Amino acid sequence: MALKKSELYSSLWSSCDELRGVETRERKIKEAMYEILNDVDEVNRIFIIIKAQKEY
């Protein structure tokens, strides 16, 4: 079953607060996103949005 982008966002928000600015952890988040999205450009585009959020 394909995961909806909104479900991906929700899942990522719940674990991102402690990861801000930690390069290794940010890379792990991007890797997890890539496993779902299979598109590097989309991962980078979405990650910029995620990182800009206060809750990140």
C-alpha atoms as a PDB file:
ATOM      1  CA  MET A   1       0.000   0.000   0.000  1.00  0.00           C
ATOM      2  CA  ALA A   2       1.398   3.396  -0.964  1.00  0.00           C
ATOM      3  CA  LEU A   3       1.943   5.904   1.788  1.00  0.00           C
ATOM      4  CA  LYS A   4       0.298   9.274   1.239  1.00  0.00           C
ATOM      5  CA  LYS A   5       2.536  12.329   1.457  1.00  0.00           C
ATOM      6  CA  SER A   6       0.393  13.664   4.310  1.00  0.00           C
ATOM      7  CA  GLU A   7       1.075  10.457   6.255  1.00  0.00           C
ATOM      8  CA  LEU A   8       4.790  10.838   5.541  1.00  0.00           C
ATOM      9  CA  TYR A   9       4.747  14.408   6.852  1.00  0.00           C
ATOM     10  CA  SER A  10       2.843  13.402   9.966  1.00  0.00           C
ATOM     11  CA  SER A  11       5.248  10.585  10.681  1.00  0.00           C
ATOM     12  CA  LEU A  12       8.285  12.798  10.228  1.00  0.00           C
ATOM     13  CA  TRP A  13       6.962  15.678  12.378  1.00  0.00           C
ATOM     14  CA  SER A  14       6.591  13.393  15.371  1.00  0.00           C
ATOM     15  CA  SER A  15      10.305  12.589  15.498  1.00  0.00           C
ATOM     16  CA  CYS A  16      12.081  15.631  14.048  1.00  0.00           C
ATOM     17  CA  ASP A  17      12.280  18.156  16.894  1.00  0.00           C
ATOM     18  CA  GLU A  18      15.466  16.760  18.423  1.00  0.00           C
ATOM     19  CA  LEU A  19      17.135  16.357  15.032  1.00  0.00           C
ATOM     20  CA  ARG A  20      17.481  20.013  13.983  1.00  0.00           C
ATOM     21  CA  GLY A  21      20.988  20.753  12.766  1.00  0.00           C
ATOM     22  CA  VAL A  22      22.357  17.257  13.362  1.00  0.00           C
ATOM     23  CA  GLU A  23      23.713  16.304   9.938  1.00  0.00           C
ATOM     24  CA  THR A  24      23.823  12.558  10.552  1.00  0.00           C
ATOM     25  CA  ARG A  25      20.232  12.483  11.725  1.00  0.00           C
ATOM     26  CA  GLU A  26      19.072  14.752   8.920  1.00  0.00           C
ATOM     27  CA  ARG A  27      20.670  12.331   6.456  1.00  0.00           C
ATOM     28  CA  LYS A  28      18.771   9.439   8.050  1.00  0.00           C
ATOM     29  CA  ILE A  29      15.508  11.332   7.653  1.00  0.00           C
ATOM     30  CA  LYS A  30      16.310  11.991   4.001  1.00  0.00           C
ATOM     31  CA  GLU A  31      17.154   8.318   3.476  1.00  0.00           C
ATOM     32  CA  ALA A  32      13.814   7.284   4.981  1.00  0.00           C
ATOM     33  CA  MET A  33      12.009   9.788   2.779  1.00  0.00           C
ATOM     34  CA  TYR A  34      13.842   8.483  -0.289  1.00  0.00           C
ATOM     35  CA  GLU A  35      12.754   4.919   0.470  1.00  0.00           C
ATOM     36  CA  ILE A  36       9.169   6.130   0.216  1.00  0.00           C
ATOM     37  CA  LEU A  37       9.432   8.738  -2.529  1.00  0.00           C
ATOM     38  CA  ASN A  38      12.230   7.287  -4.706  1.00  0.00           C
ATOM     39  CA  ASP A  39      13.029  10.794  -5.963  1.00  0.00           C
ATOM     40  CA  VAL A  40      16.060  12.743  -4.701  1.00  0.00           C
ATOM     41  CA  ASP A  41      14.757  16.072  -5.968  1.00  0.00           C
ATOM     42  CA  GLU A  42      11.416  15.574  -4.209  1.00  0.00           C
ATOM     43  CA  VAL A  43      13.157  14.552  -0.973  1.00  0.00           C
ATOM     44  CA  ASN A  44      15.306  17.687  -1.042  1.00  0.00           C
ATOM     45  CA  ARG A  45      12.334  19.907  -1.887  1.00  0.00           C
ATOM     46  CA  ILE A  46      10.218  18.510   0.941  1.00  0.00           C
ATOM     47  CA  PHE A  47      13.089  18.465   3.434  1.00  0.00           C
ATOM     48  CA  ILE A  48      13.663  22.211   2.962  1.00  0.00           C
ATOM     49  CA  ILE A  49      10.007  22.766   3.845  1.00  0.00           C
ATOM     50  CA  ILE A  50      10.214  20.446   6.847  1.00  0.00           C
ATOM     51  CA  LYS A  51      13.380  22.068   8.166  1.00  0.00           C
ATOM     52  CA  ALA A  52      11.853  25.550   7.898  1.00  0.00           C
ATOM     53  CA  GLN A  53       9.001  24.581  10.231  1.00  0.00           C
ATOM     54  CA  LYS A  54       9.151  25.632  13.877  1.00  0.00           C
ATOM     55  CA  GLU A  55       8.269  22.092  14.965  1.00  0.00           C
ATOM     56  CA  TYR A  56      11.131  20.528  13.008  1.00  0.00           C
END
